[in-house]
Amino acid sequence: RVFKHAGMSYKHMRQMMIYMNGNSGHNCPYVQGKVAFM
């Protein structure tokens, strides 16, 4: 629900992390501006 409020799903954030780092990692964080959780 928090991620929906921020505008991007966690699934999509994991895809972004894969694009940046080659993998999403075991503890993929969520960063959408000020909405940042790990």
PDB file of all heavy atoms in Angstrom:
ATOM      1  N   ARG A   1       0.834  -1.203   0.000  1.00  0.00           N
ATOM      2  CA  ARG A   1       0.000   0.000   0.000  1.00  0.00           C
ATOM      3  C   ARG A   1       0.873   1.259   0.000  1.00  0.00           C
ATOM      4  O   ARG A   1       0.561   2.256  -0.642  1.00  0.00           O
ATOM      5  CB  ARG A   1      -0.924   0.011   1.220  1.00  0.00           C
ATOM      6  CG  ARG A   1      -2.049  -1.002   1.131  1.00  0.00           C
ATOM      7  CD  ARG A   1      -3.208  -0.626   2.038  1.00  0.00           C
ATOM      8  NE  ARG A   1      -2.896  -0.772   3.447  1.00  0.00           N
ATOM      9  CZ  ARG A   1      -3.062   0.199   4.345  1.00  0.00           C
ATOM     10  NH1 ARG A   1      -3.501   1.387   3.982  1.00  0.00           N
ATOM     11  NH2 ARG A   1      -2.783  -0.021   5.617  1.00  0.00           N
ATOM     12  N   VAL A   2       1.973   1.204   0.733  1.00  0.00           N
ATOM     13  CA  VAL A   2       2.916   2.332   0.746  1.00  0.00           C
ATOM     14  C   VAL A   2       3.487   2.558  -0.647  1.00  0.00           C
ATOM     15  O   VAL A   2       3.555   3.689  -1.133  1.00  0.00           O
ATOM     16  CB  VAL A   2       4.055   2.069   1.763  1.00  0.00           C
ATOM     17  CG1 VAL A   2       5.157   3.118   1.623  1.00  0.00           C
ATOM     18  CG2 VAL A   2       3.511   2.065   3.187  1.00  0.00           C
ATOM     19  N   PHE A   3       3.891   1.479  -1.305  1.00  0.00           N
ATOM     20  CA  PHE A   3       4.490   1.597  -2.637  1.00  0.00           C
ATOM     21  C   PHE A   3       3.467   2.088  -3.661  1.00  0.00           C
ATOM     22  O   PHE A   3       3.798   2.856  -4.561  1.00  0.00           O
ATOM     23  CB  PHE A   3       5.064   0.245  -3.071  1.00  0.00           C
ATOM     24  CG  PHE A   3       6.119  -0.299  -2.133  1.00  0.00           C
ATOM     25  CD1 PHE A   3       6.278  -1.663  -1.947  1.00  0.00           C
ATOM     26  CD2 PHE A   3       6.938   0.563  -1.421  1.00  0.00           C
ATOM     27  CE1 PHE A   3       7.239  -2.157  -1.087  1.00  0.00           C
ATOM     28  CE2 PHE A   3       7.907   0.068  -0.543  1.00  0.00           C
ATOM     29  CZ  PHE A   3       8.056  -1.295  -0.383  1.00  0.00           C
ATOM     30  N   LYS A   4       2.229   1.634  -3.517  1.00  0.00           N
ATOM     31  CA  LYS A   4       1.178   2.100  -4.418  1.00  0.00           C
ATOM     32  C   LYS A   4       0.987   3.607  -4.252  1.00  0.00           C
ATOM     33  O   LYS A   4       0.792   4.337  -5.228  1.00  0.00           O
ATOM     34  CB  LYS A   4      -0.129   1.353  -4.137  1.00  0.00           C
ATOM     35  CG  LYS A   4      -1.256   1.717  -5.094  1.00  0.00           C
ATOM     36  CD  LYS A   4      -2.501   0.889  -4.821  1.00  0.00           C
ATOM     37  CE  LYS A   4      -3.615   1.262  -5.798  1.00  0.00           C
ATOM     38  NZ  LYS A   4      -4.851   0.458  -5.548  1.00  0.00           N
ATOM     39  N   HIS A   5       1.050   4.070  -3.020  1.00  0.00           N
ATOM     40  CA  HIS A   5       0.937   5.503  -2.746  1.00  0.00           C
ATOM     41  C   HIS A   5       2.095   6.271  -3.399  1.00  0.00           C
ATOM     42  O   HIS A   5       1.919   7.378  -3.903  1.00  0.00           O
ATOM     43  CB  HIS A   5       0.954   5.736  -1.233  1.00  0.00           C
ATOM     44  CG  HIS A   5       0.961   7.173  -0.824  1.00  0.00           C
ATOM     45  ND1 HIS A   5      -0.192   7.910  -0.700  1.00  0.00           N
ATOM     46  CD2 HIS A   5       1.981   8.010  -0.527  1.00  0.00           C
ATOM     47  CE1 HIS A   5       0.117   9.145  -0.336  1.00  0.00           C
ATOM     48  NE2 HIS A   5       1.427   9.222  -0.220  1.00  0.00           N
ATOM     49  N   ALA A   6       3.282   5.652  -3.406  1.00  0.00           N
ATOM     50  CA  ALA A   6       4.453   6.307  -3.983  1.00  0.00           C
ATOM     51  C   ALA A   6       4.424   6.317  -5.502  1.00  0.00           C
ATOM     52  O   ALA A   6       5.090   7.139  -6.134  1.00  0.00           O
ATOM     53  CB  ALA A   6       5.729   5.616  -3.492  1.00  0.00           C
ATOM     54  N   GLY A   7       3.680   5.385  -6.119  1.00  0.00           N
ATOM     55  CA  GLY A   7       3.514   5.413  -7.566  1.00  0.00           C
ATOM     56  C   GLY A   7       4.228   4.330  -8.341  1.00  0.00           C
ATOM     57  O   GLY A   7       4.046   4.217  -9.548  1.00  0.00           O
ATOM     58  N   MET A   8       5.053   3.518  -7.683  1.00  0.00           N
ATOM     59  CA  MET A   8       5.748   2.432  -8.381  1.00  0.00           C
ATOM     60  C   MET A   8       5.709   1.189  -7.509  1.00  0.00           C
ATOM     61  O   MET A   8       5.996   1.256  -6.313  1.00  0.00           O
ATOM     62  CB  MET A   8       7.198   2.812  -8.691  1.00  0.00           C
ATOM     63  CG  MET A   8       7.999   1.678  -9.340  1.00  0.00           C
ATOM     64  SD  MET A   8       9.710   2.106  -9.750  1.00  0.00           S
ATOM     65  CE  MET A   8       9.472   2.996 -11.278  1.00  0.00           C
ATOM     66  N   SER A   9       5.353   0.074  -8.097  1.00  0.00           N
ATOM     67  CA  SER A   9       5.272  -1.174  -7.338  1.00  0.00           C
ATOM     68  C   SER A   9       6.667  -1.671  -6.977  1.00  0.00           C
ATOM     69  O   SER A   9       7.674  -1.275  -7.584  1.00  0.00           O
ATOM     70  CB  SER A   9       4.541  -2.245  -8.145  1.00  0.00           C
ATOM     71  OG  SER A   9       5.337  -2.664  -9.254  1.00  0.00           O
ATOM     72  N   TYR A  10       6.713  -2.559  -5.995  1.00  0.00           N
ATOM     73  CA  TYR A  10       8.000  -3.116  -5.589  1.00  0.00           C
ATOM     74  C   TYR A  10       8.587  -3.994  -6.687  1.00  0.00           C
ATOM     75  O   TYR A  10       9.805  -4.055  -6.869  1.00  0.00           O
ATOM     76  CB  TYR A  10       7.830  -3.923  -4.300  1.00  0.00           C
ATOM     77  CG  TYR A  10       9.133  -4.368  -3.686  1.00  0.00           C
ATOM     78  CD1 TYR A  10      10.116  -3.450  -3.331  1.00  0.00           C
ATOM     79  CD2 TYR A  10       9.382  -5.714  -3.453  1.00  0.00           C
ATOM     80  CE1 TYR A  10      11.310  -3.859  -2.767  1.00  0.00           C
ATOM     81  CE2 TYR A  10      10.571  -6.131  -2.888  1.00  0.00           C
ATOM     82  CZ  TYR A  10      11.531  -5.199  -2.536  1.00  0.00           C
ATOM     83  OH  TYR A  10      12.719  -5.610  -1.982  1.00  0.00           O
ATOM     84  N   LYS A  11       7.721  -4.652  -7.436  1.00  0.00           N
ATOM     85  CA  LYS A  11       8.190  -5.479  -8.557  1.00  0.00           C
ATOM     86  C   LYS A  11       8.946  -4.622  -9.571  1.00  0.00           C
ATOM     87  O   LYS A  11      10.015  -5.002 -10.057  1.00  0.00           O
ATOM     88  CB  LYS A  11       6.991  -6.153  -9.231  1.00  0.00           C
ATOM     89  CG  LYS A  11       7.355  -7.023 -10.439  1.00  0.00           C
ATOM     90  CD  LYS A  11       6.125  -7.563 -11.141  1.00  0.00           C
ATOM     91  CE  LYS A  11       5.435  -6.474 -11.939  1.00  0.00           C
ATOM     92  NZ  LYS A  11       4.324  -7.005 -12.778  1.00  0.00           N
ATOM     93  N   HIS A  12       8.411  -3.462  -9.867  1.00  0.00           N
ATOM     94  CA  HIS A  12       9.075  -2.568 -10.818  1.00  0.00           C
ATOM     95  C   HIS A  12      10.368  -2.003 -10.243  1.00  0.00           C
ATOM     96  O   HIS A  12      11.347  -1.799 -10.968  1.00  0.00           O
ATOM     97  CB  HIS A  12       8.129  -1.438 -11.210  1.00  0.00           C
ATOM     98  CG  HIS A  12       6.954  -1.888 -12.012  1.00  0.00           C
ATOM     99  ND1 HIS A  12       5.721  -1.286 -11.935  1.00  0.00           N
ATOM    100  CD2 HIS A  12       6.815  -2.914 -12.906  1.00  0.00           C
ATOM    101  CE1 HIS A  12       4.881  -1.902 -12.751  1.00  0.00           C
ATOM    102  NE2 HIS A  12       5.529  -2.886 -13.348  1.00  0.00           N
ATOM    103  N   MET A  13      10.378  -1.738  -8.936  1.00  0.00           N
ATOM    104  CA  MET A  13      11.608  -1.245  -8.322  1.00  0.00           C
ATOM    105  C   MET A  13      12.705  -2.296  -8.406  1.00  0.00           C
ATOM    106  O   MET A  13      13.873  -1.964  -8.647  1.00  0.00           O
ATOM    107  CB  MET A  13      11.345  -0.866  -6.868  1.00  0.00           C
ATOM    108  CG  MET A  13      12.555  -0.268  -6.146  1.00  0.00           C
ATOM    109  SD  MET A  13      13.249   1.208  -6.959  1.00  0.00           S
ATOM    110  CE  MET A  13      11.893   2.376  -6.770  1.00  0.00           C
ATOM    111  N   ARG A  14      12.362  -3.550  -8.227  1.00  0.00           N
ATOM    112  CA  ARG A  14      13.351  -4.619  -8.358  1.00  0.00           C
ATOM    113  C   ARG A  14      13.906  -4.671  -9.784  1.00  0.00           C
ATOM    114  O   ARG A  14      15.107  -4.907  -9.992  1.00  0.00           O
ATOM    115  CB  ARG A  14      12.730  -5.963  -7.971  1.00  0.00           C
ATOM    116  CG  ARG A  14      12.454  -6.110  -6.483  1.00  0.00           C
ATOM    117  CD  ARG A  14      11.725  -7.421  -6.179  1.00  0.00           C
ATOM    118  NE  ARG A  14      12.599  -8.565  -6.402  1.00  0.00           N
ATOM    119  CZ  ARG A  14      13.383  -9.106  -5.471  1.00  0.00           C
ATOM    120  NH1 ARG A  14      13.410  -8.598  -4.256  1.00  0.00           N
ATOM    121  NH2 ARG A  14      14.130 -10.143  -5.742  1.00  0.00           N
ATOM    122  N   GLN A  15      13.041  -4.420 -10.778  1.00  0.00           N
ATOM    123  CA  GLN A  15      13.506  -4.383 -12.162  1.00  0.00           C
ATOM    124  C   GLN A  15      14.497  -3.234 -12.369  1.00  0.00           C
ATOM    125  O   GLN A  15      15.483  -3.376 -13.099  1.00  0.00           O
ATOM    126  CB  GLN A  15      12.315  -4.227 -13.105  1.00  0.00           C
ATOM    127  CG  GLN A  15      11.451  -5.471 -13.238  1.00  0.00           C
ATOM    128  CD  GLN A  15      10.300  -5.260 -14.199  1.00  0.00           C
ATOM    129  OE1 GLN A  15       9.298  -4.608 -13.882  1.00  0.00           O
ATOM    130  NE2 GLN A  15      10.430  -5.803 -15.394  1.00  0.00           N
ATOM    131  N   MET A  16      14.223  -2.107 -11.741  1.00  0.00           N
ATOM    132  CA  MET A  16      15.131  -0.965 -11.853  1.00  0.00           C
ATOM    133  C   MET A  16      16.486  -1.287 -11.228  1.00  0.00           C
ATOM    134  O   MET A  16      17.535  -0.915 -11.756  1.00  0.00           O
ATOM    135  CB  MET A  16      14.519   0.264 -11.179  1.00  0.00           C
ATOM    136  CG  MET A  16      13.268   0.807 -11.857  1.00  0.00           C
ATOM    137  SD  MET A  16      13.532   1.200 -13.604  1.00  0.00           S
ATOM    138  CE  MET A  16      14.870   2.373 -13.491  1.00  0.00           C
ATOM    139  N   MET A  17      16.463  -1.977 -10.095  1.00  0.00           N
ATOM    140  CA  MET A  17      17.712  -2.338  -9.432  1.00  0.00           C
ATOM    141  C   MET A  17      18.516  -3.332 -10.271  1.00  0.00           C
ATOM    142  O   MET A  17      19.741  -3.284 -10.324  1.00  0.00           O
ATOM    143  CB  MET A  17      17.414  -2.926  -8.047  1.00  0.00           C
ATOM    144  CG  MET A  17      16.971  -1.892  -7.022  1.00  0.00           C
ATOM    145  SD  MET A  17      18.278  -0.662  -6.697  1.00  0.00           S
ATOM    146  CE  MET A  17      17.433   0.381  -5.500  1.00  0.00           C
ATOM    147  N   ILE A  18      17.806  -4.234 -10.944  1.00  0.00           N
ATOM    148  CA  ILE A  18      18.491  -5.175 -11.842  1.00  0.00           C
ATOM    149  C   ILE A  18      19.170  -4.405 -12.971  1.00  0.00           C
ATOM    150  O   ILE A  18      20.300  -4.703 -13.357  1.00  0.00           O
ATOM    151  CB  ILE A  18      17.485  -6.207 -12.397  1.00  0.00           C
ATOM    152  CG1 ILE A  18      17.003  -7.136 -11.289  1.00  0.00           C
ATOM    153  CG2 ILE A  18      18.113  -7.016 -13.535  1.00  0.00           C
ATOM    154  CD1 ILE A  18      15.889  -8.084 -11.700  1.00  0.00           C
ATOM    155  N   TYR A  19      18.472  -3.399 -13.499  1.00  0.00           N
ATOM    156  CA  TYR A  19      19.043  -2.590 -14.570  1.00  0.00           C
ATOM    157  C   TYR A  19      20.290  -1.849 -14.090  1.00  0.00           C
ATOM    158  O   TYR A  19      21.294  -1.754 -14.801  1.00  0.00           O
ATOM    159  CB  TYR A  19      18.005  -1.589 -15.076  1.00  0.00           C
ATOM    160  CG  TYR A  19      18.581  -0.562 -16.029  1.00  0.00           C
ATOM    161  CD1 TYR A  19      18.984  -0.918 -17.313  1.00  0.00           C
ATOM    162  CD2 TYR A  19      18.746   0.754 -15.624  1.00  0.00           C
ATOM    163  CE1 TYR A  19      19.533   0.023 -18.170  1.00  0.00           C
ATOM    164  CE2 TYR A  19      19.298   1.696 -16.481  1.00  0.00           C
ATOM    165  CZ  TYR A  19      19.691   1.318 -17.751  1.00  0.00           C
ATOM    166  OH  TYR A  19      20.240   2.248 -18.592  1.00  0.00           O
ATOM    167  N   MET A  20      20.250  -1.346 -12.860  1.00  0.00           N
ATOM    168  CA  MET A  20      21.373  -0.565 -12.339  1.00  0.00           C
ATOM    169  C   MET A  20      22.554  -1.431 -11.937  1.00  0.00           C
ATOM    170  O   MET A  20      23.705  -1.096 -12.192  1.00  0.00           O
ATOM    171  CB  MET A  20      20.920   0.260 -11.123  1.00  0.00           C
ATOM    172  CG  MET A  20      20.048   1.448 -11.453  1.00  0.00           C
ATOM    173  SD  MET A  20      19.730   2.474  -9.998  1.00  0.00           S
ATOM    174  CE  MET A  20      21.391   3.022  -9.589  1.00  0.00           C
ATOM    175  N   ASN A  21      22.271  -2.566 -11.273  1.00  0.00           N
ATOM    176  CA  ASN A  21      23.339  -3.341 -10.641  1.00  0.00           C
ATOM    177  C   ASN A  21      23.556  -4.722 -11.245  1.00  0.00           C
ATOM    178  O   ASN A  21      24.457  -5.434 -10.806  1.00  0.00           O
ATOM    179  CB  ASN A  21      23.031  -3.504  -9.145  1.00  0.00           C
ATOM    180  CG  ASN A  21      22.800  -2.178  -8.451  1.00  0.00           C
ATOM    181  OD1 ASN A  21      23.589  -1.254  -8.598  1.00  0.00           O
ATOM    182  ND2 ASN A  21      21.708  -2.068  -7.706  1.00  0.00           N
ATOM    183  N   GLY A  22      22.701  -5.121 -12.187  1.00  0.00           N
ATOM    184  CA  GLY A  22      22.825  -6.459 -12.750  1.00  0.00           C
ATOM    185  C   GLY A  22      22.012  -7.480 -11.985  1.00  0.00           C
ATOM    186  O   GLY A  22      21.743  -8.571 -12.488  1.00  0.00           O
ATOM    187  N   ASN A  23      21.614  -7.161 -10.747  1.00  0.00           N
ATOM    188  CA  ASN A  23      20.743  -8.013  -9.940  1.00  0.00           C
ATOM    189  C   ASN A  23      20.050  -7.145  -8.902  1.00  0.00           C
ATOM    190  O   ASN A  23      20.512  -6.053  -8.588  1.00  0.00           O
ATOM    191  CB  ASN A  23      21.525  -9.147  -9.271  1.00  0.00           C
ATOM    192  CG  ASN A  23      22.572  -8.610  -8.308  1.00  0.00           C
ATOM    193  OD1 ASN A  23      22.272  -8.233  -7.180  1.00  0.00           O
ATOM    194  ND2 ASN A  23      23.825  -8.566  -8.773  1.00  0.00           N
ATOM    195  N   SER A  24      18.939  -7.640  -8.375  1.00  0.00           N
ATOM    196  CA  SER A  24      18.176  -6.847  -7.406  1.00  0.00           C
ATOM    197  C   SER A  24      18.678  -7.037  -5.990  1.00  0.00           C
ATOM    198  O   SER A  24      18.340  -6.263  -5.088  1.00  0.00           O
ATOM    199  CB  SER A  24      16.688  -7.226  -7.472  1.00  0.00           C
ATOM    200  OG  SER A  24      16.507  -8.593  -7.135  1.00  0.00           O
ATOM    201  N   GLY A  25      19.502  -8.061  -5.786  1.00  0.00           N
ATOM    202  CA  GLY A  25      20.045  -8.298  -4.451  1.00  0.00           C
ATOM    203  C   GLY A  25      19.061  -9.012  -3.544  1.00  0.00           C
ATOM    204  O   GLY A  25      17.870  -9.115  -3.823  1.00  0.00           O
ATOM    205  N   HIS A  26      19.578  -9.494  -2.434  1.00  0.00           N
ATOM    206  CA  HIS A  26      18.772 -10.259  -1.482  1.00  0.00           C
ATOM    207  C   HIS A  26      17.853  -9.336  -0.680  1.00  0.00           C
ATOM    208  O   HIS A  26      16.775  -9.736  -0.246  1.00  0.00           O
ATOM    209  CB  HIS A  26      19.699 -11.026  -0.540  1.00  0.00           C
ATOM    210  CG  HIS A  26      19.017 -12.084   0.258  1.00  0.00           C
ATOM    211  ND1 HIS A  26      18.299 -13.110  -0.310  1.00  0.00           N
ATOM    212  CD2 HIS A  26      18.936 -12.275   1.602  1.00  0.00           C
ATOM    213  CE1 HIS A  26      17.822 -13.907   0.643  1.00  0.00           C
ATOM    214  NE2 HIS A  26      18.186 -13.412   1.804  1.00  0.00           N
ATOM    215  N   ASN A  27      18.285  -8.105  -0.451  1.00  0.00           N
ATOM    216  CA  ASN A  27      17.517  -7.139   0.338  1.00  0.00           C
ATOM    217  C   ASN A  27      17.300  -5.882  -0.499  1.00  0.00           C
ATOM    218  O   ASN A  27      17.800  -4.802  -0.174  1.00  0.00           O
ATOM    219  CB  ASN A  27      18.257  -6.784   1.628  1.00  0.00           C
ATOM    220  CG  ASN A  27      18.555  -8.000   2.476  1.00  0.00           C
ATOM    221  OD1 ASN A  27      19.542  -8.696   2.280  1.00  0.00           O
ATOM    222  ND2 ASN A  27      17.679  -8.272   3.428  1.00  0.00           N
ATOM    223  N   CYS A  28      16.574  -6.017  -1.570  1.00  0.00           N
ATOM    224  CA  CYS A  28      16.386  -4.907  -2.502  1.00  0.00           C
ATOM    225  C   CYS A  28      15.653  -3.748  -1.830  1.00  0.00           C
ATOM    226  O   CYS A  28      14.531  -3.919  -1.339  1.00  0.00           O
ATOM    227  CB  CYS A  28      15.595  -5.386  -3.715  1.00  0.00           C
ATOM    228  SG  CYS A  28      15.273  -4.085  -4.932  1.00  0.00           S
ATOM    229  N   PRO A  29      16.248  -2.555  -1.794  1.00  0.00           N
ATOM    230  CA  PRO A  29      15.563  -1.400  -1.209  1.00  0.00           C
ATOM    231  C   PRO A  29      14.544  -0.820  -2.181  1.00  0.00           C
ATOM    232  O   PRO A  29      14.514  -1.178  -3.361  1.00  0.00           O
ATOM    233  CB  PRO A  29      16.710  -0.404  -0.960  1.00  0.00           C
ATOM    234  CG  PRO A  29      17.703  -0.742  -2.030  1.00  0.00           C
ATOM    235  CD  PRO A  29      17.602  -2.229  -2.251  1.00  0.00           C
ATOM    236  N   TYR A  30      13.727   0.083  -1.677  1.00  0.00           N
ATOM    237  CA  TYR A  30      12.749   0.799  -2.492  1.00  0.00           C
ATOM    238  C   TYR A  30      13.037   2.282  -2.346  1.00  0.00           C
ATOM    239  O   TYR A  30      13.014   2.827  -1.239  1.00  0.00           O
ATOM    240  CB  TYR A  30      11.325   0.496  -2.010  1.00  0.00           C
ATOM    241  CG  TYR A  30      10.248   1.165  -2.848  1.00  0.00           C
ATOM    242  CD1 TYR A  30       9.591   0.460  -3.847  1.00  0.00           C
ATOM    243  CD2 TYR A  30       9.885   2.497  -2.637  1.00  0.00           C
ATOM    244  CE1 TYR A  30       8.606   1.056  -4.622  1.00  0.00           C
ATOM    245  CE2 TYR A  30       8.905   3.100  -3.405  1.00  0.00           C
ATOM    246  CZ  TYR A  30       8.267   2.385  -4.391  1.00  0.00           C
ATOM    247  OH  TYR A  30       7.292   2.984  -5.151  1.00  0.00           O
ATOM    248  N   VAL A  31      13.355   2.939  -3.462  1.00  0.00           N
ATOM    249  CA  VAL A  31      13.671   4.370  -3.422  1.00  0.00           C
ATOM    250  C   VAL A  31      12.910   5.080  -4.527  1.00  0.00           C
ATOM    251  O   VAL A  31      13.158   4.865  -5.714  1.00  0.00           O
ATOM    252  CB  VAL A  31      15.185   4.623  -3.597  1.00  0.00           C
ATOM    253  CG1 VAL A  31      15.477   6.116  -3.509  1.00  0.00           C
ATOM    254  CG2 VAL A  31      15.981   3.866  -2.541  1.00  0.00           C
ATOM    255  N   GLN A  32      11.987   5.909  -4.132  1.00  0.00           N
ATOM    256  CA  GLN A  32      11.219   6.734  -5.058  1.00  0.00           C
ATOM    257  C   GLN A  32      11.159   8.133  -4.442  1.00  0.00           C
ATOM    258  O   GLN A  32      10.218   8.502  -3.763  1.00  0.00           O
ATOM    259  CB  GLN A  32       9.819   6.147  -5.254  1.00  0.00           C
ATOM    260  CG  GLN A  32       8.911   6.935  -6.192  1.00  0.00           C
ATOM    261  CD  GLN A  32       9.219   6.698  -7.654  1.00  0.00           C
ATOM    262  OE1 GLN A  32      10.364   6.557  -8.033  1.00  0.00           O
ATOM    263  NE2 GLN A  32       8.194   6.668  -8.493  1.00  0.00           N
ATOM    264  N   GLY A  33      12.238   8.894  -4.657  1.00  0.00           N
ATOM    265  CA  GLY A  33      12.331  10.202  -4.028  1.00  0.00           C
ATOM    266  C   GLY A  33      12.456  10.062  -2.524  1.00  0.00           C
ATOM    267  O   GLY A  33      13.299   9.323  -2.009  1.00  0.00           O
ATOM    268  N   LYS A  34      11.576  10.752  -1.789  1.00  0.00           N
ATOM    269  CA  LYS A  34      11.610  10.698  -0.331  1.00  0.00           C
ATOM    270  C   LYS A  34      11.046   9.399   0.221  1.00  0.00           C
ATOM    271  O   LYS A  34      11.255   9.090   1.394  1.00  0.00           O
ATOM    272  CB  LYS A  34      10.809  11.872   0.258  1.00  0.00           C
ATOM    273  CG  LYS A  34      11.513  13.208   0.172  1.00  0.00           C
ATOM    274  CD  LYS A  34      10.706  14.278   0.879  1.00  0.00           C
ATOM    275  CE  LYS A  34      10.591  14.009   2.352  1.00  0.00           C
ATOM    276  NZ  LYS A  34       9.882  15.087   3.060  1.00  0.00           N
ATOM    277  N   VAL A  35      10.334   8.661  -0.601  1.00  0.00           N
ATOM    278  CA  VAL A  35       9.805   7.374  -0.148  1.00  0.00           C
ATOM    279  C   VAL A  35      10.910   6.340  -0.325  1.00  0.00           C
ATOM    280  O   VAL A  35      11.140   5.844  -1.424  1.00  0.00           O
ATOM    281  CB  VAL A  35       8.549   6.971  -0.942  1.00  0.00           C
ATOM    282  CG1 VAL A  35       7.974   5.675  -0.392  1.00  0.00           C
ATOM    283  CG2 VAL A  35       7.514   8.083  -0.902  1.00  0.00           C
ATOM    284  N   ALA A  36      11.613   6.059   0.745  1.00  0.00           N
ATOM    285  CA  ALA A  36      12.777   5.180   0.664  1.00  0.00           C
ATOM    286  C   ALA A  36      12.765   4.209   1.845  1.00  0.00           C
ATOM    287  O   ALA A  36      12.863   4.632   3.002  1.00  0.00           O
ATOM    288  CB  ALA A  36      14.063   5.996   0.658  1.00  0.00           C
ATOM    289  N   PHE A  37      12.627   2.934   1.544  1.00  0.00           N
ATOM    290  CA  PHE A  37      12.588   1.912   2.583  1.00  0.00           C
ATOM    291  C   PHE A  37      13.543   0.781   2.223  1.00  0.00           C
ATOM    292  O   PHE A  37      13.762   0.494   1.053  1.00  0.00           O
ATOM    293  CB  PHE A  37      11.175   1.335   2.735  1.00  0.00           C
ATOM    294  CG  PHE A  37      10.191   2.290   3.352  1.00  0.00           C
ATOM    295  CD1 PHE A  37       9.464   3.171   2.558  1.00  0.00           C
ATOM    296  CD2 PHE A  37       9.980   2.300   4.715  1.00  0.00           C
ATOM    297  CE1 PHE A  37       8.555   4.056   3.121  1.00  0.00           C
ATOM    298  CE2 PHE A  37       9.077   3.178   5.290  1.00  0.00           C
ATOM    299  CZ  PHE A  37       8.359   4.057   4.493  1.00  0.00           C
ATOM    300  N   MET A  38      14.077   0.144   3.263  1.00  0.00           N
ATOM    301  CA  MET A  38      14.953  -0.997   3.046  1.00  0.00           C
ATOM    302  C   MET A  38      14.524  -2.131   3.969  1.00  0.00           C
ATOM    303  O   MET A  38      14.302  -1.910   5.166  1.00  0.00           O
ATOM    304  CB  MET A  38      16.403  -0.628   3.337  1.00  0.00           C
ATOM    305  CG  MET A  38      17.386  -1.747   3.002  1.00  0.00           C
ATOM    306  SD  MET A  38      19.115  -1.210   3.116  1.00  0.00           S
ATOM    307  CE  MET A  38      19.293  -1.078   4.894  1.00  0.00           C
TER     308      MET A  38
END
